[in-house]
Amino acid sequence: MPSPAPAASVPLLTRRRIEAEFARGLYEQMKEELGEETARRVLARAVIRLARAAGAQAAAQAPDGKPDLASFRTVAEGWKAEEALTTEVLAATPEAFDFNVTRCRYAEMYRAMGLADLGVLLSCNRDGAFCEGYDPALQMTRTQTRMEGAPFCDFRFRRRAAG
């Protein structure tokens, strides 16, 4: 039996679909046994832990092992594979990376799967945690998401000054 392809070779949107099918089963079981509030909390914590680890793994690939906003922009491009995101870049400087997501196929996919109520936990929940894992000095601000019905997601990234 051939070995499975490394996760990095599977486009992110496809990976999220596979993960969501599995997470649905786990979530439903946890909800039945532990209640909805606990099930949501456990799922959220698990996703955050995985996202931080993925961020750290991506940071290890940064040039010279020094993650910065320029290398982060390269990582963020991978989120758009399979036309998963349509974005409008507002700023891309050494100090700031700002963009809006005007179409999110992740949100569309979760809705089509009947998982609209879990989409924020399974996807949006990852973003800030990924940044923490990538570079603890990287701050992400977002006030709205397509997943929650807003017309766009407003991603704003800054690096905190050392000191």
Protein backbone atom coordinates (compact mmCIF):
# COMPACT_ATOMS: atom_id res chain seq x y z
CA MET A 1 0.00 0.00 0.00
CA PRO A 2 1.51 3.37 -0.97
CA SER A 3 2.19 5.86 1.79
CA PRO A 4 -0.16 8.84 1.96
CA ALA A 5 0.93 12.14 0.47
CA PRO A 6 2.37 14.63 2.96
CA ALA A 7 -0.26 17.05 4.22
CA ALA A 8 1.60 19.97 2.65
CA SER A 9 1.03 18.52 -0.81
CA VAL A 10 -2.76 18.53 -0.33
CA PRO A 11 -4.28 21.96 -1.01
CA LEU A 12 -5.57 23.64 2.13
CA LEU A 13 -9.22 23.82 1.06
CA THR A 14 -9.22 20.08 0.37
CA ARG A 15 -7.54 19.38 3.70
CA ARG A 16 -10.10 21.49 5.54
CA ARG A 17 -12.95 19.56 3.87
CA ILE A 18 -11.44 16.22 4.98
CA GLU A 19 -10.79 17.53 8.49
CA ALA A 20 -14.33 18.93 8.73
CA GLU A 21 -15.88 15.55 7.94
CA PHE A 22 -13.83 13.96 10.70
CA ALA A 23 -14.41 16.86 13.13
CA ARG A 24 -18.16 16.62 12.54
CA GLY A 25 -18.18 13.04 13.83
CA LEU A 26 -16.04 13.87 16.85
CA TYR A 27 -18.06 16.97 17.63
CA GLU A 28 -21.39 15.14 17.44
CA GLN A 29 -20.10 12.43 19.77
CA MET A 30 -18.66 14.94 22.22
CA LYS A 31 -21.89 16.94 22.14
CA GLU A 32 -23.90 13.81 22.91
CA GLU A 33 -21.65 12.77 25.79
CA LEU A 34 -20.44 16.11 27.18
CA GLY A 35 -22.97 18.69 26.05
CA GLU A 36 -22.75 21.33 23.35
CA GLU A 37 -20.85 23.95 25.35
CA THR A 38 -18.08 21.54 26.34
CA ALA A 39 -17.93 20.01 22.86
CA ARG A 40 -17.47 23.45 21.29
CA ARG A 41 -14.81 24.40 23.84
CA VAL A 42 -12.85 21.17 23.30
CA LEU A 43 -13.06 21.51 19.52
CA ALA A 44 -11.95 25.15 19.67
CA ARG A 45 -8.96 24.33 21.90
CA ALA A 46 -7.91 21.44 19.67
CA VAL A 47 -8.05 23.61 16.54
CA ILE A 48 -6.07 26.38 18.24
CA ARG A 49 -3.39 23.91 19.34
CA LEU A 50 -3.11 22.50 15.82
CA ALA A 51 -2.96 26.00 14.31
CA ARG A 52 -0.15 27.11 16.63
CA ALA A 53 1.83 24.01 15.71
CA ALA A 54 1.21 24.65 11.99
CA GLY A 55 2.38 28.24 12.45
CA ALA A 56 5.58 27.08 14.13
CA GLN A 57 6.16 24.57 11.35
CA ALA A 58 5.69 27.28 8.72
CA ALA A 59 8.04 29.61 10.62
CA ALA A 60 10.75 26.96 10.51
CA GLN A 61 10.65 27.29 6.71
CA ALA A 62 11.19 31.08 6.78
CA PRO A 63 14.41 32.32 5.16
CA ASP A 64 17.26 32.15 7.68
CA GLY A 65 14.74 30.75 10.17
CA LYS A 66 13.61 34.32 10.89
CA PRO A 67 9.90 34.78 10.27
CA ASP A 68 8.79 38.30 9.41
CA LEU A 69 5.88 39.92 7.59
CA ALA A 70 7.47 39.36 4.18
CA SER A 71 7.81 35.62 4.77
CA PHE A 72 4.34 35.56 6.34
CA ARG A 73 2.87 37.07 3.16
CA THR A 74 4.34 34.13 1.24
CA VAL A 75 2.69 31.69 3.66
CA ALA A 76 -0.63 33.53 3.37
CA GLU A 77 -0.55 33.05 -0.41
CA GLY A 78 -0.91 29.30 0.23
CA TRP A 79 -4.29 29.93 1.89
CA LYS A 80 -5.62 30.93 -1.53
CA ALA A 81 -4.86 27.60 -3.27
CA GLU A 82 -7.81 26.19 -5.23
CA GLU A 83 -9.14 29.77 -5.40
CA ALA A 84 -10.15 29.35 -1.76
CA LEU A 85 -9.91 33.08 -1.05
CA THR A 86 -10.39 36.19 -3.11
CA THR A 87 -8.47 39.00 -1.46
CA GLU A 88 -7.87 42.69 -1.81
CA VAL A 89 -4.45 43.71 -0.46
CA LEU A 90 -4.52 47.12 1.19
CA ALA A 91 -0.95 47.25 2.56
CA ALA A 92 2.11 45.06 2.15
CA THR A 93 5.08 46.72 3.80
CA PRO A 94 7.75 45.55 6.27
CA GLU A 95 5.55 46.95 9.07
CA ALA A 96 2.05 46.04 7.91
CA PHE A 97 0.13 43.45 5.96
CA ASP A 98 -3.54 44.32 5.52
CA PHE A 99 -6.05 42.63 3.28
CA ASN A 100 -9.75 41.98 2.97
CA VAL A 101 -11.20 38.63 1.97
CA THR A 102 -14.08 39.33 -0.37
CA ARG A 103 -14.86 35.69 -1.17
CA CYS A 104 -14.22 32.78 1.15
CA ARG A 105 -14.72 29.31 -0.25
CA TYR A 106 -13.94 27.92 3.20
CA ALA A 107 -17.16 29.55 4.47
CA GLU A 108 -19.03 28.39 1.39
CA MET A 109 -17.76 24.85 1.88
CA TYR A 110 -18.74 24.67 5.56
CA ARG A 111 -22.22 25.96 4.74
CA ALA A 112 -22.62 23.42 1.93
CA MET A 113 -21.53 20.67 4.34
CA GLY A 114 -24.15 21.76 6.87
CA LEU A 115 -21.42 22.97 9.22
CA ALA A 116 -22.02 26.71 9.13
CA ASP A 117 -22.31 26.76 12.93
CA LEU A 118 -18.86 25.16 13.29
CA GLY A 119 -17.08 27.06 10.51
CA VAL A 120 -15.77 29.75 12.83
CA LEU A 121 -14.31 27.11 15.15
CA LEU A 122 -12.86 25.00 12.35
CA SER A 123 -11.42 27.78 10.22
CA CYS A 124 -11.51 31.37 11.46
CA ASN A 125 -10.42 30.22 14.91
CA ARG A 126 -7.10 29.11 13.41
CA ASP A 127 -5.92 32.45 12.11
CA GLY A 128 -4.77 34.22 15.27
CA ALA A 129 -3.34 31.02 16.73
CA PHE A 130 -1.40 30.35 13.52
CA CYS A 131 0.15 33.82 13.85
CA GLU A 132 1.14 33.13 17.47
CA GLY A 133 2.89 29.96 16.39
CA TYR A 134 4.50 31.62 13.39
CA ASP A 135 5.91 34.56 15.28
CA PRO A 136 4.85 35.55 18.82
CA ALA A 137 5.52 39.20 17.86
CA LEU A 138 2.98 38.99 15.01
CA GLN A 139 -0.38 40.50 15.92
CA MET A 140 -3.52 39.87 13.93
CA THR A 141 -6.61 42.02 14.19
CA ARG A 142 -9.87 41.07 12.54
CA THR A 143 -13.24 42.57 13.38
CA GLN A 144 -15.50 40.64 11.02
CA THR A 145 -15.65 37.49 8.91
CA ARG A 146 -17.48 36.22 5.87
CA MET A 147 -18.11 33.05 7.88
CA GLU A 148 -20.26 35.08 10.26
CA GLY A 149 -22.08 36.87 7.43
CA ALA A 150 -20.00 40.04 6.99
CA PRO A 151 -19.37 41.32 3.44
CA PHE A 152 -15.62 40.75 3.91
CA CYS A 153 -13.02 39.60 6.44
CA ASP A 154 -10.67 42.40 7.50
CA PHE A 155 -7.24 40.95 8.24
CA ARG A 156 -4.67 43.35 9.71
CA PHE A 157 -1.21 42.14 10.68
CA ARG A 158 1.50 44.03 12.60
CA ARG A 159 4.70 42.99 14.35
CA ARG A 160 5.03 44.21 17.94
CA ALA A 161 8.19 46.14 18.58
CA ALA A 162 10.87 44.25 20.50
CA GLY A 163 11.43 45.34 24.00
